[in-house]
PDB file of N, CA and C in Angstrom:
ATOM      1  N   MET A   1       0.853  -1.178   0.000  1.00  0.00           N
ATOM      2  CA  MET A   1       0.000   0.000   0.000  1.00  0.00           C
ATOM      3  C   MET A   1       0.898   1.239   0.000  1.00  0.00           C
ATOM      4  N   THR A   2       0.665   2.101  -0.925  1.00  0.00           N
ATOM      5  CA  THR A   2       1.452   3.331  -0.985  1.00  0.00           C
ATOM      6  C   THR A   2       0.830   4.389  -0.080  1.00  0.00           C
ATOM      7  N   HIS A   3       1.584   5.461   0.128  1.00  0.00           N
ATOM      8  CA  HIS A   3       1.088   6.547   0.959  1.00  0.00           C
ATOM      9  C   HIS A   3      -0.236   7.082   0.413  1.00  0.00           C
ATOM     10  N   GLN A   4      -0.364   7.167  -0.897  1.00  0.00           N
ATOM     11  CA  GLN A   4      -1.584   7.693  -1.500  1.00  0.00           C
ATOM     12  C   GLN A   4      -2.772   6.761  -1.328  1.00  0.00           C
ATOM     13  N   ASP A   5      -2.530   5.478  -1.102  1.00  0.00           N
ATOM     14  CA  ASP A   5      -3.614   4.516  -0.943  1.00  0.00           C
ATOM     15  C   ASP A   5      -4.171   4.483   0.474  1.00  0.00           C
ATOM     16  N   ARG A   6      -3.453   5.035   1.412  1.00  0.00           N
ATOM     17  CA  ARG A   6      -3.895   5.003   2.804  1.00  0.00           C
ATOM     18  C   ARG A   6      -5.065   5.956   3.008  1.00  0.00           C
ATOM     19  N   PRO A   7      -6.019   5.552   3.844  1.00  0.00           N
ATOM     20  CA  PRO A   7      -7.129   6.466   4.120  1.00  0.00           C
ATOM     21  C   PRO A   7      -6.614   7.692   4.882  1.00  0.00           C
ATOM     22  N   ILE A   8      -7.205   8.821   4.593  1.00  0.00           N
ATOM     23  CA  ILE A   8      -6.828  10.057   5.270  1.00  0.00           C
ATOM     24  C   ILE A   8      -7.458  10.056   6.656  1.00  0.00           C
ATOM     25  N   GLN A   9      -6.622  10.269   7.671  1.00  0.00           N
ATOM     26  CA  GLN A   9      -7.134  10.301   9.029  1.00  0.00           C
ATOM     27  C   GLN A   9      -7.387  11.739   9.457  1.00  0.00           C
ATOM     28  N   LYS A  10      -8.604  11.987   9.875  1.00  0.00           N
ATOM     29  CA  LYS A  10      -8.971  13.286  10.403  1.00  0.00           C
ATOM     30  C   LYS A  10      -8.859  13.239  11.923  1.00  0.00           C
ATOM     31  N   THR A  11      -8.386  14.303  12.503  1.00  0.00           N
ATOM     32  CA  THR A  11      -8.318  14.418  13.945  1.00  0.00           C
ATOM     33  C   THR A  11      -9.254  15.538  14.365  1.00  0.00           C
ATOM     34  N   ASN A  12      -9.961  15.333  15.462  1.00  0.00           N
ATOM     35  CA  ASN A  12     -10.885  16.336  15.985  1.00  0.00           C
ATOM     36  C   ASN A  12     -10.293  16.978  17.227  1.00  0.00           C
ATOM     37  N   PHE A  13     -10.403  18.297  17.299  1.00  0.00           N
ATOM     38  CA  PHE A  13      -9.887  19.057  18.426  1.00  0.00           C
ATOM     39  C   PHE A  13     -10.966  20.004  18.932  1.00  0.00           C
ATOM     40  N   SER A  14     -10.945  20.273  20.236  1.00  0.00           N
ATOM     41  CA  SER A  14     -11.801  21.301  20.824  1.00  0.00           C
ATOM     42  C   SER A  14     -10.924  22.202  21.685  1.00  0.00           C
ATOM     43  N   PHE A  15     -11.207  23.498  21.605  1.00  0.00           N
ATOM     44  CA  PHE A  15     -10.422  24.487  22.336  1.00  0.00           C
ATOM     45  C   PHE A  15     -11.339  25.489  23.024  1.00  0.00           C
ATOM     46  N   SER A  16     -10.942  25.900  24.207  1.00  0.00           N
ATOM     47  CA  SER A  16     -11.561  27.029  24.868  1.00  0.00           C
ATOM     48  C   SER A  16     -10.863  28.269  24.324  1.00  0.00           C
ATOM     49  N   VAL A  17     -11.644  29.246  23.859  1.00  0.00           N
ATOM     50  CA  VAL A  17     -11.074  30.476  23.304  1.00  0.00           C
ATOM     51  C   VAL A  17     -11.621  31.643  24.110  1.00  0.00           C
ATOM     52  N   ARG A  18     -10.741  32.310  24.844  1.00  0.00           N
ATOM     53  CA  ARG A  18     -11.149  33.460  25.653  1.00  0.00           C
ATOM     54  C   ARG A  18     -10.815  34.754  24.934  1.00  0.00           C
ATOM     55  N   GLY A  19     -11.722  35.712  25.070  1.00  0.00           N
ATOM     56  CA  GLY A  19     -11.477  37.022  24.486  1.00  0.00           C
ATOM     57  C   GLY A  19     -12.381  37.346  23.311  1.00  0.00           C
ATOM     58  N   MET A  20     -13.139  36.366  22.831  1.00  0.00           N
ATOM     59  CA  MET A  20     -14.063  36.630  21.726  1.00  0.00           C
ATOM     60  C   MET A  20     -15.304  37.328  22.288  1.00  0.00           C
ATOM     61  N   THR A  21     -15.670  38.458  21.688  1.00  0.00           N
ATOM     62  CA  THR A  21     -16.815  39.205  22.206  1.00  0.00           C
ATOM     63  C   THR A  21     -17.890  39.488  21.160  1.00  0.00           C
ATOM     64  N   CYS A  22     -17.602  39.211  19.886  1.00  0.00           N
ATOM     65  CA  CYS A  22     -18.564  39.576  18.835  1.00  0.00           C
ATOM     66  C   CYS A  22     -18.395  38.666  17.616  1.00  0.00           C
ATOM     67  N   ASP A  23     -19.260  38.862  16.632  1.00  0.00           N
ATOM     68  CA  ASP A  23     -19.185  38.055  15.412  1.00  0.00           C
ATOM     69  C   ASP A  23     -17.881  38.280  14.653  1.00  0.00           C
ATOM     70  N   HIS A  24     -17.338  39.487  14.724  1.00  0.00           N
ATOM     71  CA  HIS A  24     -16.046  39.742  14.087  1.00  0.00           C
ATOM     72  C   HIS A  24     -14.969  38.845  14.704  1.00  0.00           C
ATOM     73  N   CYS A  25     -14.984  38.716  16.031  1.00  0.00           N
ATOM     74  CA  CYS A  25     -14.019  37.843  16.721  1.00  0.00           C
ATOM     75  C   CYS A  25     -14.183  36.394  16.248  1.00  0.00           C
ATOM     76  N   LYS A  26     -15.429  35.963  16.174  1.00  0.00           N
ATOM     77  CA  LYS A  26     -15.717  34.593  15.730  1.00  0.00           C
ATOM     78  C   LYS A  26     -15.163  34.360  14.328  1.00  0.00           C
ATOM     79  N   ARG A  27     -15.418  35.284  13.418  1.00  0.00           N
ATOM     80  CA  ARG A  27     -14.929  35.146  12.044  1.00  0.00           C
ATOM     81  C   ARG A  27     -13.401  35.179  11.981  1.00  0.00           C
ATOM     82  N   ALA A  28     -12.779  35.998  12.821  1.00  0.00           N
ATOM     83  CA  ALA A  28     -11.313  36.073  12.841  1.00  0.00           C
ATOM     84  C   ALA A  28     -10.714  34.724  13.231  1.00  0.00           C
ATOM     85  N   VAL A  29     -11.305  34.090  14.242  1.00  0.00           N
ATOM     86  CA  VAL A  29     -10.822  32.774  14.678  1.00  0.00           C
ATOM     87  C   VAL A  29     -11.072  31.744  13.580  1.00  0.00           C
ATOM     88  N   GLU A  30     -12.274  31.733  13.022  1.00  0.00           N
ATOM     89  CA  GLU A  30     -12.592  30.777  11.954  1.00  0.00           C
ATOM     90  C   GLU A  30     -11.643  30.935  10.771  1.00  0.00           C
ATOM     91  N   ASN A  31     -11.429  32.157  10.336  1.00  0.00           N
ATOM     92  CA  ASN A  31     -10.568  32.403   9.181  1.00  0.00           C
ATOM     93  C   ASN A  31      -9.115  32.021   9.467  1.00  0.00           C
ATOM     94  N   ALA A  32      -8.646  32.297  10.670  1.00  0.00           N
ATOM     95  CA  ALA A  32      -7.268  31.940  11.028  1.00  0.00           C
ATOM     96  C   ALA A  32      -7.065  30.431  10.987  1.00  0.00           C
ATOM     97  N   VAL A  33      -8.048  29.690  11.490  1.00  0.00           N
ATOM     98  CA  VAL A  33      -7.925  28.226  11.512  1.00  0.00           C
ATOM     99  C   VAL A  33      -8.107  27.656  10.110  1.00  0.00           C
ATOM    100  N   ARG A  34      -9.047  28.183   9.355  1.00  0.00           N
ATOM    101  CA  ARG A  34      -9.263  27.690   7.979  1.00  0.00           C
ATOM    102  C   ARG A  34      -8.038  27.903   7.097  1.00  0.00           C
ATOM    103  N   ALA A  35      -7.210  28.871   7.438  1.00  0.00           N
ATOM    104  CA  ALA A  35      -6.001  29.146   6.654  1.00  0.00           C
ATOM    105  C   ALA A  35      -4.894  28.116   6.893  1.00  0.00           C
ATOM    106  N   ILE A  36      -5.057  27.270   7.894  1.00  0.00           N
ATOM    107  CA  ILE A  36      -4.051  26.242   8.180  1.00  0.00           C
ATOM    108  C   ILE A  36      -4.210  25.106   7.170  1.00  0.00           C
ATOM    109  N   PRO A  37      -3.138  24.740   6.475  1.00  0.00           N
ATOM    110  CA  PRO A  37      -3.233  23.595   5.564  1.00  0.00           C
ATOM    111  C   PRO A  37      -3.687  22.347   6.327  1.00  0.00           C
ATOM    112  N   GLY A  38      -4.694  21.677   5.788  1.00  0.00           N
ATOM    113  CA  GLY A  38      -5.196  20.452   6.408  1.00  0.00           C
ATOM    114  C   GLY A  38      -6.453  20.646   7.231  1.00  0.00           C
ATOM    115  N   ALA A  39      -6.815  21.887   7.551  1.00  0.00           N
ATOM    116  CA  ALA A  39      -8.053  22.141   8.294  1.00  0.00           C
ATOM    117  C   ALA A  39      -9.239  21.906   7.359  1.00  0.00           C
ATOM    118  N   THR A  40     -10.164  21.061   7.784  1.00  0.00           N
ATOM    119  CA  THR A  40     -11.308  20.766   6.934  1.00  0.00           C
ATOM    120  C   THR A  40     -12.623  21.268   7.505  1.00  0.00           C
ATOM    121  N   ASP A  41     -12.784  21.219   8.810  1.00  0.00           N
ATOM    122  CA  ASP A  41     -14.018  21.671   9.447  1.00  0.00           C
ATOM    123  C   ASP A  41     -13.668  22.577  10.618  1.00  0.00           C
ATOM    124  N   VAL A  42     -14.313  23.735  10.669  1.00  0.00           N
ATOM    125  CA  VAL A  42     -14.098  24.691  11.754  1.00  0.00           C
ATOM    126  C   VAL A  42     -15.456  25.182  12.219  1.00  0.00           C
ATOM    127  N   ASP A  43     -15.736  25.050  13.513  1.00  0.00           N
ATOM    128  CA  ASP A  43     -16.985  25.533  14.073  1.00  0.00           C
ATOM    129  C   ASP A  43     -16.651  26.292  15.356  1.00  0.00           C
ATOM    130  N   VAL A  44     -16.949  27.582  15.374  1.00  0.00           N
ATOM    131  CA  VAL A  44     -16.669  28.407  16.550  1.00  0.00           C
ATOM    132  C   VAL A  44     -17.999  28.802  17.174  1.00  0.00           C
ATOM    133  N   ASP A  45     -18.162  28.482  18.450  1.00  0.00           N
ATOM    134  CA  ASP A  45     -19.354  28.833  19.211  1.00  0.00           C
ATOM    135  C   ASP A  45     -19.005  30.050  20.060  1.00  0.00           C
ATOM    136  N   LEU A  46     -19.437  31.215  19.634  1.00  0.00           N
ATOM    137  CA  LEU A  46     -19.115  32.466  20.312  1.00  0.00           C
ATOM    138  C   LEU A  46     -19.659  32.477  21.742  1.00  0.00           C
ATOM    139  N   ALA A  47     -20.904  32.053  21.913  1.00  0.00           N
ATOM    140  CA  ALA A  47     -21.546  32.101  23.224  1.00  0.00           C
ATOM    141  C   ALA A  47     -20.825  31.235  24.253  1.00  0.00           C
ATOM    142  N   ARG A  48     -20.344  30.077  23.830  1.00  0.00           N
ATOM    143  CA  ARG A  48     -19.661  29.156  24.750  1.00  0.00           C
ATOM    144  C   ARG A  48     -18.149  29.359  24.759  1.00  0.00           C
ATOM    145  N   GLY A  49     -17.628  30.101  23.777  1.00  0.00           N
ATOM    146  CA  GLY A  49     -16.188  30.321  23.709  1.00  0.00           C
ATOM    147  C   GLY A  49     -15.423  29.061  23.364  1.00  0.00           C
ATOM    148  N   ILE A  50     -15.978  28.295  22.418  1.00  0.00           N
ATOM    149  CA  ILE A  50     -15.371  27.020  22.042  1.00  0.00           C
ATOM    150  C   ILE A  50     -15.160  26.962  20.534  1.00  0.00           C
ATOM    151  N   ALA A  51     -14.002  26.462  20.152  1.00  0.00           N
ATOM    152  CA  ALA A  51     -13.705  26.215  18.741  1.00  0.00           C
ATOM    153  C   ALA A  51     -13.506  24.719  18.561  1.00  0.00           C
ATOM    154  N   ASN A  52     -14.255  24.134  17.643  1.00  0.00           N
ATOM    155  CA  ASN A  52     -14.105  22.726  17.278  1.00  0.00           C
ATOM    156  C   ASN A  52     -13.495  22.681  15.887  1.00  0.00           C
ATOM    157  N   VAL A  53     -12.431  21.921  15.757  1.00  0.00           N
ATOM    158  CA  VAL A  53     -11.680  21.871  14.509  1.00  0.00           C
ATOM    159  C   VAL A  53     -11.390  20.425  14.171  1.00  0.00           C
ATOM    160  N   SER A  54     -11.470  20.091  12.893  1.00  0.00           N
ATOM    161  CA  SER A  54     -11.051  18.763  12.461  1.00  0.00           C
ATOM    162  C   SER A  54     -10.270  18.876  11.170  1.00  0.00           C
ATOM    163  N   GLY A  55      -9.482  17.865  10.924  1.00  0.00           N
ATOM    164  CA  GLY A  55      -8.665  17.818   9.730  1.00  0.00           C
ATOM    165  C   GLY A  55      -7.349  17.130   9.994  1.00  0.00           C
ATOM    166  N   GLN A  56      -6.442  17.283   9.055  1.00  0.00           N
ATOM    167  CA  GLN A  56      -5.102  16.727   9.180  1.00  0.00           C
ATOM    168  C   GLN A  56      -4.158  17.860   9.561  1.00  0.00           C
ATOM    169  N   LEU A  57      -4.143  18.194  10.833  1.00  0.00           N
ATOM    170  CA  LEU A  57      -3.321  19.270  11.341  1.00  0.00           C
ATOM    171  C   LEU A  57      -3.043  19.011  12.810  1.00  0.00           C
ATOM    172  N   SER A  58      -2.171  19.813  13.382  1.00  0.00           N
ATOM    173  CA  SER A  58      -1.805  19.588  14.780  1.00  0.00           C
ATOM    174  C   SER A  58      -2.489  20.609  15.684  1.00  0.00           C
ATOM    175  N   ALA A  59      -2.651  20.227  16.940  1.00  0.00           N
ATOM    176  CA  ALA A  59      -3.215  21.126  17.935  1.00  0.00           C
ATOM    177  C   ALA A  59      -2.328  22.361  18.070  1.00  0.00           C
ATOM    178  N   GLN A  60      -1.036  22.177  17.982  1.00  0.00           N
ATOM    179  CA  GLN A  60      -0.098  23.287  18.107  1.00  0.00           C
ATOM    180  C   GLN A  60      -0.328  24.321  16.992  1.00  0.00           C
ATOM    181  N   ASP A  61      -0.575  23.855  15.778  1.00  0.00           N
ATOM    182  CA  ASP A  61      -0.857  24.770  14.663  1.00  0.00           C
ATOM    183  C   ASP A  61      -2.119  25.593  14.928  1.00  0.00           C
ATOM    184  N   ILE A  62      -3.131  24.938  15.479  1.00  0.00           N
ATOM    185  CA  ILE A  62      -4.393  25.621  15.757  1.00  0.00           C
ATOM    186  C   ILE A  62      -4.200  26.670  16.846  1.00  0.00           C
ATOM    187  N   VAL A  63      -3.528  26.276  17.921  1.00  0.00           N
ATOM    188  CA  VAL A  63      -3.271  27.212  19.017  1.00  0.00           C
ATOM    189  C   VAL A  63      -2.491  28.424  18.508  1.00  0.00           C
ATOM    190  N   HIS A  64      -1.469  28.162  17.726  1.00  0.00           N
ATOM    191  CA  HIS A  64      -0.642  29.255  17.187  1.00  0.00           C
ATOM    192  C   HIS A  64      -1.479  30.206  16.331  1.00  0.00           C
ATOM    193  N   ALA A  65      -2.345  29.664  15.497  1.00  0.00           N
ATOM    194  CA  ALA A  65      -3.177  30.497  14.618  1.00  0.00           C
ATOM    195  C   ALA A  65      -4.145  31.359  15.423  1.00  0.00           C
ATOM    196  N   ILE A  66      -4.780  30.780  16.423  1.00  0.00           N
ATOM    197  CA  ILE A  66      -5.762  31.532  17.215  1.00  0.00           C
ATOM    198  C   ILE A  66      -5.072  32.560  18.103  1.00  0.00           C
ATOM    199  N   GLU A  67      -3.960  32.174  18.705  1.00  0.00           N
ATOM    200  CA  GLU A  67      -3.205  33.134  19.517  1.00  0.00           C
ATOM    201  C   GLU A  67      -2.704  34.292  18.668  1.00  0.00           C
ATOM    202  N   GLY A  68      -2.400  34.001  17.408  1.00  0.00           N
ATOM    203  CA  GLY A  68      -1.957  35.047  16.493  1.00  0.00           C
ATOM    204  C   GLY A  68      -3.023  36.106  16.255  1.00  0.00           C
ATOM    205  N   GLU A  69      -4.270  35.762  16.506  1.00  0.00           N
ATOM    206  CA  GLU A  69      -5.371  36.718  16.382  1.00  0.00           C
ATOM    207  C   GLU A  69      -5.615  37.463  17.693  1.00  0.00           C
ATOM    208  N   GLY A  70      -4.860  37.109  18.743  1.00  0.00           N
ATOM    209  CA  GLY A  70      -4.957  37.830  20.014  1.00  0.00           C
ATOM    210  C   GLY A  70      -5.825  37.187  21.078  1.00  0.00           C
ATOM    211  N   TYR A  71      -6.178  35.928  20.914  1.00  0.00           N
ATOM    212  CA  TYR A  71      -7.050  35.259  21.876  1.00  0.00           C
ATOM    213  C   TYR A  71      -6.267  34.281  22.739  1.00  0.00           C
ATOM    214  N   VAL A  72      -6.822  33.963  23.900  1.00  0.00           N
ATOM    215  CA  VAL A  72      -6.222  32.988  24.810  1.00  0.00           C
ATOM    216  C   VAL A  72      -6.867  31.638  24.512  1.00  0.00           C
ATOM    217  N   VAL A  73      -6.045  30.631  24.238  1.00  0.00           N
ATOM    218  CA  VAL A  73      -6.536  29.331  23.785  1.00  0.00           C
ATOM    219  C   VAL A  73      -6.043  28.225  24.704  1.00  0.00           C
ATOM    220  N   LYS A  74      -6.941  27.313  25.042  1.00  0.00           N
ATOM    221  CA  LYS A  74      -6.564  26.133  25.823  1.00  0.00           C
ATOM    222  C   LYS A  74      -7.272  24.926  25.230  1.00  0.00           C
ATOM    223  N   PRO A  75      -6.536  23.835  25.007  1.00  0.00           N
ATOM    224  CA  PRO A  75      -7.179  22.610  24.527  1.00  0.00           C
ATOM    225  C   PRO A  75      -8.188  22.095  25.550  1.00  0.00           C
ATOM    226  N   ILE A  76      -9.269  21.549  25.063  1.00  0.00           N
ATOM    227  CA  ILE A  76     -10.270  20.886  25.914  1.00  0.00           C
ATOM    228  C   ILE A  76     -10.055  19.388  25.728  1.00  0.00           C
ATOM    229  N   PRO A  77      -9.837  18.655  26.819  1.00  0.00           N
ATOM    230  CA  PRO A  77      -9.632  17.213  26.681  1.00  0.00           C
ATOM    231  C   PRO A  77     -10.836  16.559  25.982  1.00  0.00           C
ATOM    232  N   SER A  78     -10.554  15.530  25.213  1.00  0.00           N
ATOM    233  CA  SER A  78     -11.592  14.818  24.464  1.00  0.00           C
ATOM    234  C   SER A  78     -12.744  14.413  25.369  1.00  0.00           C
ATOM    235  N   GLY A  79     -13.962  14.663  24.896  1.00  0.00           N
ATOM    236  CA  GLY A  79     -15.152  14.292  25.651  1.00  0.00           C
ATOM    237  C   GLY A  79     -15.605  15.328  26.655  1.00  0.00           C
ATOM    238  N   LYS A  80     -14.932  16.474  26.752  1.00  0.00           N
ATOM    239  CA  LYS A  80     -15.278  17.485  27.749  1.00  0.00           C
ATOM    240  C   LYS A  80     -15.918  18.736  27.175  1.00  0.00           C
ATOM    241  N   SER A  81     -16.104  18.820  25.834  1.00  0.00           N
ATOM    242  CA  SER A  81     -16.600  20.060  25.225  1.00  0.00           C
ATOM    243  C   SER A  81     -18.118  20.224  25.320  1.00  0.00           C
ATOM    244  N   GLY A  82     -18.841  19.194  25.651  1.00  0.00           N
ATOM    245  CA  GLY A  82     -20.296  19.286  25.672  1.00  0.00           C
ATOM    246  C   GLY A  82     -20.786  19.579  27.001  1.00  0.00           C
TER     247      GLY A  82
END
């Protein structure tokens, strides 16, 4: 089996994002994460301050992108976002 024949594995991440106060903040976080190569799904819940991301990317890349927009980011352990 070659590398191209292997199924693509998506990883799901959830993050607490502090500092978002409006729809502009939400869009800034979404756009920053969508710009990461490998990001396929991005859902930011402004009211709860949570960003859910999936794709072929690392948690470190996501944190770096969101922090670059000026927000405080902390990973949420799997199963704790609901």
